[in-house]
């Protein structure tokens, strides 16, 4: 798994019309951080995982959206291992 693939997946998720604004804003921040080559990849992935974890713990986020966020978290976990 590479960063480009994860960024593409995030773009797919963000294109959903029922995406809550808060989730979209957080995913934009995550994309920006992941694209920053100046930081270590593991640090960028961990930061993104924590941001998604915070979102997925929000009771106002629909369950189907949490599932999508957990999918992205799984992809990010593979970056940490590389």
PDB file of N, CA and C in Angstrom:
ATOM      1  N   UNK A   1       0.849  -1.177   0.000  1.00  0.00           N
ATOM      2  CA  UNK A   1       0.000   0.000   0.000  1.00  0.00           C
ATOM      3  C   UNK A   1       0.893   1.237   0.000  1.00  0.00           C
ATOM      4  N   UNK A   2       0.499   2.221  -0.795  1.00  0.00           N
ATOM      5  CA  UNK A   2       1.264   3.458  -0.830  1.00  0.00           C
ATOM      6  C   UNK A   2       0.349   4.654  -0.525  1.00  0.00           C
ATOM      7  N   UNK A   3       0.982   5.786  -0.303  1.00  0.00           N
ATOM      8  CA  UNK A   3       0.257   6.999   0.074  1.00  0.00           C
ATOM      9  C   UNK A   3      -0.715   7.413  -1.034  1.00  0.00           C
ATOM     10  N   UNK A   4      -0.284   7.281  -2.275  1.00  0.00           N
ATOM     11  CA  UNK A   4      -1.133   7.694  -3.397  1.00  0.00           C
ATOM     12  C   UNK A   4      -2.452   6.925  -3.400  1.00  0.00           C
ATOM     13  N   UNK A   5      -2.402   5.635  -3.153  1.00  0.00           N
ATOM     14  CA  UNK A   5      -3.608   4.816  -3.125  1.00  0.00           C
ATOM     15  C   UNK A   5      -4.542   5.249  -2.007  1.00  0.00           C
ATOM     16  N   UNK A   6      -3.967   5.554  -0.850  1.00  0.00           N
ATOM     17  CA  UNK A   6      -4.773   5.991   0.286  1.00  0.00           C
ATOM     18  C   UNK A   6      -5.398   7.356   0.008  1.00  0.00           C
ATOM     19  N   UNK A   7      -4.639   8.250  -0.604  1.00  0.00           N
ATOM     20  CA  UNK A   7      -5.187   9.558  -0.954  1.00  0.00           C
ATOM     21  C   UNK A   7      -6.335   9.419  -1.945  1.00  0.00           C
ATOM     22  N   UNK A   8      -6.216   8.491  -2.892  1.00  0.00           N
ATOM     23  CA  UNK A   8      -7.293   8.245  -3.842  1.00  0.00           C
ATOM     24  C   UNK A   8      -8.534   7.716  -3.125  1.00  0.00           C
ATOM     25  N   UNK A   9      -8.334   6.826  -2.158  1.00  0.00           N
ATOM     26  CA  UNK A   9      -9.463   6.284  -1.388  1.00  0.00           C
ATOM     27  C   UNK A   9     -10.156   7.393  -0.587  1.00  0.00           C
ATOM     28  N   UNK A  10      -9.355   8.274   0.000  1.00  0.00           N
ATOM     29  CA  UNK A  10      -9.929   9.398   0.747  1.00  0.00           C
ATOM     30  C   UNK A  10     -10.741  10.293  -0.193  1.00  0.00           C
ATOM     31  N   UNK A  11     -10.223  10.526  -1.406  1.00  0.00           N
ATOM     32  CA  UNK A  11     -10.966  11.325  -2.390  1.00  0.00           C
ATOM     33  C   UNK A  11     -12.301  10.679  -2.735  1.00  0.00           C
ATOM     34  N   UNK A  12     -12.307   9.348  -2.883  1.00  0.00           N
ATOM     35  CA  UNK A  12     -13.553   8.633  -3.169  1.00  0.00           C
ATOM     36  C   UNK A  12     -14.570   8.856  -2.056  1.00  0.00           C
ATOM     37  N   UNK A  13     -14.106   8.743  -0.830  1.00  0.00           N
ATOM     38  CA  UNK A  13     -14.990   8.903   0.329  1.00  0.00           C
ATOM     39  C   UNK A  13     -15.514  10.332   0.396  1.00  0.00           C
ATOM     40  N   UNK A  14     -14.653  11.292   0.132  1.00  0.00           N
ATOM     41  CA  UNK A  14     -15.054  12.694   0.223  1.00  0.00           C
ATOM     42  C   UNK A  14     -16.049  13.080  -0.871  1.00  0.00           C
ATOM     43  N   UNK A  15     -16.079  12.333  -1.957  1.00  0.00           N
ATOM     44  CA  UNK A  15     -16.988  12.675  -3.052  1.00  0.00           C
ATOM     45  C   UNK A  15     -18.429  12.240  -2.777  1.00  0.00           C
ATOM     46  N   UNK A  16     -18.646  11.481  -1.717  1.00  0.00           N
ATOM     47  CA  UNK A  16     -20.004  11.075  -1.363  1.00  0.00           C
ATOM     48  C   UNK A  16     -20.817  12.306  -0.957  1.00  0.00           C
ATOM     49  N   UNK A  17     -22.009  12.412  -1.491  1.00  0.00           N
ATOM     50  CA  UNK A  17     -22.822  13.615  -1.266  1.00  0.00           C
ATOM     51  C   UNK A  17     -23.351  13.727   0.162  1.00  0.00           C
ATOM     52  N   UNK A  18     -23.422  12.620   0.884  1.00  0.00           N
ATOM     53  CA  UNK A  18     -23.949  12.666   2.251  1.00  0.00           C
ATOM     54  C   UNK A  18     -22.846  12.760   3.312  1.00  0.00           C
ATOM     55  N   UNK A  19     -21.664  13.169   2.883  1.00  0.00           N
ATOM     56  CA  UNK A  19     -20.526  13.282   3.787  1.00  0.00           C
ATOM     57  C   UNK A  19     -20.714  14.474   4.728  1.00  0.00           C
ATOM     58  N   UNK A  20     -20.694  14.233   6.053  1.00  0.00           N
ATOM     59  CA  UNK A  20     -20.780  15.358   6.998  1.00  0.00           C
ATOM     60  C   UNK A  20     -19.602  16.319   6.808  1.00  0.00           C
ATOM     61  N   UNK A  21     -19.873  17.602   6.982  1.00  0.00           N
ATOM     62  CA  UNK A  21     -18.836  18.624   6.768  1.00  0.00           C
ATOM     63  C   UNK A  21     -17.630  18.415   7.680  1.00  0.00           C
ATOM     64  N   UNK A  22     -17.885  18.016   8.899  1.00  0.00           N
ATOM     65  CA  UNK A  22     -16.784  17.817   9.847  1.00  0.00           C
ATOM     66  C   UNK A  22     -15.859  16.688   9.380  1.00  0.00           C
ATOM     67  N   UNK A  23     -16.440  15.637   8.866  1.00  0.00           N
ATOM     68  CA  UNK A  23     -15.641  14.512   8.364  1.00  0.00           C
ATOM     69  C   UNK A  23     -14.847  14.952   7.145  1.00  0.00           C
ATOM     70  N   UNK A  24     -15.493  15.676   6.255  1.00  0.00           N
ATOM     71  CA  UNK A  24     -14.815  16.151   5.046  1.00  0.00           C
ATOM     72  C   UNK A  24     -13.636  17.063   5.395  1.00  0.00           C
ATOM     73  N   UNK A  25     -13.824  17.947   6.364  1.00  0.00           N
ATOM     74  CA  UNK A  25     -12.745  18.855   6.766  1.00  0.00           C
ATOM     75  C   UNK A  25     -11.568  18.079   7.364  1.00  0.00           C
ATOM     76  N   UNK A  26     -11.871  17.093   8.185  1.00  0.00           N
ATOM     77  CA  UNK A  26     -10.807  16.291   8.786  1.00  0.00           C
ATOM     78  C   UNK A  26     -10.068  15.490   7.721  1.00  0.00           C
ATOM     79  N   UNK A  27     -10.794  14.924   6.774  1.00  0.00           N
ATOM     80  CA  UNK A  27     -10.148  14.174   5.703  1.00  0.00           C
ATOM     81  C   UNK A  27      -9.276  15.074   4.829  1.00  0.00           C
ATOM     82  N   UNK A  28      -9.694  16.309   4.631  1.00  0.00           N
ATOM     83  CA  UNK A  28      -8.851  17.276   3.894  1.00  0.00           C
ATOM     84  C   UNK A  28      -7.540  17.506   4.637  1.00  0.00           C
ATOM     85  N   UNK A  29      -7.626  17.674   5.955  1.00  0.00           N
ATOM     86  CA  UNK A  29      -6.411  17.856   6.763  1.00  0.00           C
ATOM     87  C   UNK A  29      -5.511  16.626   6.678  1.00  0.00           C
ATOM     88  N   UNK A  30      -6.115  15.467   6.729  1.00  0.00           N
ATOM     89  CA  UNK A  30      -5.349  14.223   6.651  1.00  0.00           C
ATOM     90  C   UNK A  30      -4.648  14.128   5.298  1.00  0.00           C
ATOM     91  N   UNK A  31      -5.357  14.451   4.242  1.00  0.00           N
ATOM     92  CA  UNK A  31      -4.734  14.431   2.905  1.00  0.00           C
ATOM     93  C   UNK A  31      -3.537  15.367   2.835  1.00  0.00           C
ATOM     94  N   UNK A  32      -3.706  16.551   3.377  1.00  0.00           N
ATOM     95  CA  UNK A  32      -2.622  17.539   3.369  1.00  0.00           C
ATOM     96  C   UNK A  32      -1.405  17.011   4.125  1.00  0.00           C
ATOM     97  N   UNK A  33      -1.648  16.418   5.292  1.00  0.00           N
ATOM     98  CA  UNK A  33      -0.550  15.888   6.097  1.00  0.00           C
ATOM     99  C   UNK A  33       0.127  14.697   5.429  1.00  0.00           C
ATOM    100  N   UNK A  34      -0.649  13.816   4.827  1.00  0.00           N
ATOM    101  CA  UNK A  34      -0.065  12.653   4.172  1.00  0.00           C
ATOM    102  C   UNK A  34       0.778  13.042   2.965  1.00  0.00           C
ATOM    103  N   UNK A  35       0.401  14.105   2.296  1.00  0.00           N
ATOM    104  CA  UNK A  35       1.135  14.559   1.119  1.00  0.00           C
ATOM    105  C   UNK A  35       2.427  15.294   1.477  1.00  0.00           C
ATOM    106  N   UNK A  36       2.609  15.644   2.736  1.00  0.00           N
ATOM    107  CA  UNK A  36       3.795  16.365   3.189  1.00  0.00           C
ATOM    108  C   UNK A  36       4.983  15.400   3.298  1.00  0.00           C
ATOM    109  N   UNK A  37       5.881  15.453   2.336  1.00  0.00           N
ATOM    110  CA  UNK A  37       7.022  14.533   2.309  1.00  0.00           C
ATOM    111  C   UNK A  37       8.119  14.900   3.301  1.00  0.00           C
ATOM    112  N   UNK A  38       7.990  16.019   3.983  1.00  0.00           N
ATOM    113  CA  UNK A  38       9.035  16.472   4.903  1.00  0.00           C
ATOM    114  C   UNK A  38       9.009  15.712   6.220  1.00  0.00           C
ATOM    115  N   UNK A  39       7.858  15.113   6.545  1.00  0.00           N
ATOM    116  CA  UNK A  39       7.740  14.341   7.777  1.00  0.00           C
ATOM    117  C   UNK A  39       7.890  12.862   7.482  1.00  0.00           C
ATOM    118  N   UNK A  40       8.282  12.104   8.495  1.00  0.00           N
ATOM    119  CA  UNK A  40       8.397  10.665   8.383  1.00  0.00           C
ATOM    120  C   UNK A  40       7.027  10.058   8.073  1.00  0.00           C
ATOM    121  N   UNK A  41       6.999   9.055   7.213  1.00  0.00           N
ATOM    122  CA  UNK A  41       5.749   8.435   6.797  1.00  0.00           C
ATOM    123  C   UNK A  41       4.992   7.826   7.977  1.00  0.00           C
ATOM    124  N   UNK A  42       5.696   7.188   8.881  1.00  0.00           N
ATOM    125  CA  UNK A  42       5.048   6.574  10.045  1.00  0.00           C
ATOM    126  C   UNK A  42       4.375   7.629  10.919  1.00  0.00           C
ATOM    127  N   UNK A  43       5.006   8.781  11.049  1.00  0.00           N
ATOM    128  CA  UNK A  43       4.437   9.876  11.850  1.00  0.00           C
ATOM    129  C   UNK A  43       3.177  10.409  11.176  1.00  0.00           C
ATOM    130  N   UNK A  44       3.248  10.589   9.868  1.00  0.00           N
ATOM    131  CA  UNK A  44       2.078  11.079   9.126  1.00  0.00           C
ATOM    132  C   UNK A  44       0.919  10.095   9.234  1.00  0.00           C
ATOM    133  N   UNK A  45       1.211   8.813   9.102  1.00  0.00           N
ATOM    134  CA  UNK A  45       0.166   7.792   9.192  1.00  0.00           C
ATOM    135  C   UNK A  45      -0.440   7.754  10.588  1.00  0.00           C
ATOM    136  N   UNK A  46       0.396   7.823  11.611  1.00  0.00           N
ATOM    137  CA  UNK A  46      -0.096   7.790  12.993  1.00  0.00           C
ATOM    138  C   UNK A  46      -0.970   9.000  13.285  1.00  0.00           C
ATOM    139  N   UNK A  47      -0.549  10.168  12.837  1.00  0.00           N
ATOM    140  CA  UNK A  47      -1.342  11.380  13.026  1.00  0.00           C
ATOM    141  C   UNK A  47      -2.714  11.231  12.367  1.00  0.00           C
ATOM    142  N   UNK A  48      -2.737  10.680  11.169  1.00  0.00           N
ATOM    143  CA  UNK A  48      -3.999  10.478  10.459  1.00  0.00           C
ATOM    144  C   UNK A  48      -4.888   9.475  11.191  1.00  0.00           C
ATOM    145  N   UNK A  49      -4.290   8.425  11.709  1.00  0.00           N
ATOM    146  CA  UNK A  49      -5.049   7.405  12.440  1.00  0.00           C
ATOM    147  C   UNK A  49      -5.707   8.009  13.670  1.00  0.00           C
ATOM    148  N   UNK A  50      -4.962   8.824  14.403  1.00  0.00           N
ATOM    149  CA  UNK A  50      -5.536   9.465  15.593  1.00  0.00           C
ATOM    150  C   UNK A  50      -6.691  10.402  15.224  1.00  0.00           C
ATOM    151  N   UNK A  51      -6.547  11.129  14.123  1.00  0.00           N
ATOM    152  CA  UNK A  51      -7.605  12.047  13.693  1.00  0.00           C
ATOM    153  C   UNK A  51      -8.868  11.269  13.310  1.00  0.00           C
ATOM    154  N   UNK A  52      -8.687  10.163  12.601  1.00  0.00           N
ATOM    155  CA  UNK A  52      -9.842   9.346  12.207  1.00  0.00           C
ATOM    156  C   UNK A  52     -10.466   8.677  13.423  1.00  0.00           C
ATOM    157  N   UNK A  53      -9.635   8.250  14.348  1.00  0.00           N
ATOM    158  CA  UNK A  53     -10.150   7.623  15.567  1.00  0.00           C
ATOM    159  C   UNK A  53     -11.039   8.589  16.339  1.00  0.00           C
ATOM    160  N   UNK A  54     -10.604   9.832  16.413  1.00  0.00           N
ATOM    161  CA  UNK A  54     -11.401  10.853  17.104  1.00  0.00           C
ATOM    162  C   UNK A  54     -12.753  11.040  16.406  1.00  0.00           C
ATOM    163  N   UNK A  55     -12.731  11.069  15.080  1.00  0.00           N
ATOM    164  CA  UNK A  55     -13.985  11.198  14.326  1.00  0.00           C
ATOM    165  C   UNK A  55     -14.901  10.002  14.544  1.00  0.00           C
ATOM    166  N   UNK A  56     -14.334   8.818  14.492  1.00  0.00           N
ATOM    167  CA  UNK A  56     -15.171   7.618  14.577  1.00  0.00           C
ATOM    168  C   UNK A  56     -15.766   7.422  15.968  1.00  0.00           C
ATOM    169  N   UNK A  57     -15.227   8.096  16.970  1.00  0.00           N
ATOM    170  CA  UNK A  57     -15.790   8.024  18.317  1.00  0.00           C
ATOM    171  C   UNK A  57     -16.918   9.021  18.543  1.00  0.00           C
ATOM    172  N   UNK A  58     -17.169   9.871  17.559  1.00  0.00           N
ATOM    173  CA  UNK A  58     -18.241  10.854  17.650  1.00  0.00           C
ATOM    174  C   UNK A  58     -19.585  10.151  17.450  1.00  0.00           C
ATOM    175  N   UNK A  59     -20.494  10.297  18.409  1.00  0.00           N
ATOM    176  CA  UNK A  59     -21.789   9.623  18.334  1.00  0.00           C
ATOM    177  C   UNK A  59     -22.677  10.182  17.219  1.00  0.00           C
ATOM    178  N   UNK A  60     -22.350  11.354  16.708  1.00  0.00           N
ATOM    179  CA  UNK A  60     -23.158  11.967  15.661  1.00  0.00           C
ATOM    180  C   UNK A  60     -22.782  11.498  14.251  1.00  0.00           C
ATOM    181  N   UNK A  61     -21.697  10.739  14.137  1.00  0.00           N
ATOM    182  CA  UNK A  61     -21.283  10.226  12.838  1.00  0.00           C
ATOM    183  C   UNK A  61     -22.080   8.944  12.559  1.00  0.00           C
ATOM    184  N   UNK A  62     -22.718   8.846  11.397  1.00  0.00           N
ATOM    185  CA  UNK A  62     -23.501   7.645  11.079  1.00  0.00           C
ATOM    186  C   UNK A  62     -22.614   6.393  11.039  1.00  0.00           C
ATOM    187  N   UNK A  63     -23.214   5.262  11.370  1.00  0.00           N
ATOM    188  CA  UNK A  63     -22.457   4.016  11.456  1.00  0.00           C
ATOM    189  C   UNK A  63     -21.812   3.640  10.125  1.00  0.00           C
ATOM    190  N   UNK A  64     -22.500   3.856   9.019  1.00  0.00           N
ATOM    191  CA  UNK A  64     -21.891   3.505   7.729  1.00  0.00           C
ATOM    192  C   UNK A  64     -20.649   4.356   7.454  1.00  0.00           C
ATOM    193  N   UNK A  65     -20.649   5.595   7.941  1.00  0.00           N
ATOM    194  CA  UNK A  65     -19.487   6.459   7.760  1.00  0.00           C
ATOM    195  C   UNK A  65     -18.337   5.991   8.653  1.00  0.00           C
ATOM    196  N   UNK A  66     -18.659   5.514   9.844  1.00  0.00           N
ATOM    197  CA  UNK A  66     -17.626   4.979  10.734  1.00  0.00           C
ATOM    198  C   UNK A  66     -16.944   3.782  10.093  1.00  0.00           C
ATOM    199  N   UNK A  67     -17.716   2.954   9.424  1.00  0.00           N
ATOM    200  CA  UNK A  67     -17.148   1.789   8.756  1.00  0.00           C
ATOM    201  C   UNK A  67     -16.159   2.212   7.678  1.00  0.00           C
ATOM    202  N   UNK A  68     -16.505   3.236   6.925  1.00  0.00           N
ATOM    203  CA  UNK A  68     -15.604   3.759   5.891  1.00  0.00           C
ATOM    204  C   UNK A  68     -14.335   4.315   6.527  1.00  0.00           C
ATOM    205  N   UNK A  69     -14.491   5.032   7.634  1.00  0.00           N
ATOM    206  CA  UNK A  69     -13.328   5.591   8.325  1.00  0.00           C
ATOM    207  C   UNK A  69     -12.419   4.483   8.853  1.00  0.00           C
ATOM    208  N   UNK A  70     -13.015   3.410   9.360  1.00  0.00           N
ATOM    209  CA  UNK A  70     -12.206   2.287   9.853  1.00  0.00           C
ATOM    210  C   UNK A  70     -11.456   1.612   8.705  1.00  0.00           C
ATOM    211  N   UNK A  71     -12.065   1.588   7.532  1.00  0.00           N
ATOM    212  CA  UNK A  71     -11.406   1.042   6.349  1.00  0.00           C
ATOM    213  C   UNK A  71     -10.153   1.861   6.024  1.00  0.00           C
ATOM    214  N   UNK A  72     -10.284   3.169   6.062  1.00  0.00           N
ATOM    215  CA  UNK A  72      -9.134   4.043   5.800  1.00  0.00           C
ATOM    216  C   UNK A  72      -8.071   3.853   6.882  1.00  0.00           C
ATOM    217  N   UNK A  73      -8.507   3.676   8.116  1.00  0.00           N
ATOM    218  CA  UNK A  73      -7.559   3.428   9.216  1.00  0.00           C
ATOM    219  C   UNK A  73      -6.746   2.165   8.931  1.00  0.00           C
ATOM    220  N   UNK A  74      -7.407   1.133   8.459  1.00  0.00           N
ATOM    221  CA  UNK A  74      -6.708  -0.101   8.117  1.00  0.00           C
ATOM    222  C   UNK A  74      -5.656   0.121   7.047  1.00  0.00           C
ATOM    223  N   UNK A  75      -5.987   0.928   6.050  1.00  0.00           N
ATOM    224  CA  UNK A  75      -5.015   1.254   5.006  1.00  0.00           C
ATOM    225  C   UNK A  75      -3.832   2.011   5.580  1.00  0.00           C
ATOM    226  N   UNK A  76      -4.124   2.943   6.479  1.00  0.00           N
ATOM    227  CA  UNK A  76      -3.056   3.727   7.099  1.00  0.00           C
ATOM    228  C   UNK A  76      -2.152   2.857   7.973  1.00  0.00           C
ATOM    229  N   UNK A  77      -2.718   1.854   8.598  1.00  0.00           N
ATOM    230  CA  UNK A  77      -1.914   0.933   9.428  1.00  0.00           C
ATOM    231  C   UNK A  77      -0.853   0.238   8.592  1.00  0.00           C
ATOM    232  N   UNK A  78      -1.175  -0.046   7.319  1.00  0.00           N
ATOM    233  CA  UNK A  78      -0.191  -0.707   6.470  1.00  0.00           C
ATOM    234  C   UNK A  78       0.997   0.216   6.181  1.00  0.00           C
ATOM    235  N   UNK A  79       0.746   1.523   6.177  1.00  0.00           N
ATOM    236  CA  UNK A  79       1.853   2.472   5.968  1.00  0.00           C
ATOM    237  C   UNK A  79       2.830   2.456   7.134  1.00  0.00           C
ATOM    238  N   UNK A  80       2.290   2.310   8.323  1.00  0.00           N
ATOM    239  CA  UNK A  80       3.141   2.303   9.515  1.00  0.00           C
ATOM    240  C   UNK A  80       4.086   1.107   9.512  1.00  0.00           C
ATOM    241  N   UNK A  81       3.637  -0.011   8.948  1.00  0.00           N
ATOM    242  CA  UNK A  81       4.443  -1.220   8.950  1.00  0.00           C
ATOM    243  C   UNK A  81       5.525  -1.228   7.890  1.00  0.00           C
ATOM    244  N   UNK A  82       5.364  -0.407   6.839  1.00  0.00           N
ATOM    245  CA  UNK A  82       6.341  -0.400   5.730  1.00  0.00           C
ATOM    246  C   UNK A  82       7.642   0.264   6.122  1.00  0.00           C
TER     247      UNK A  82
END
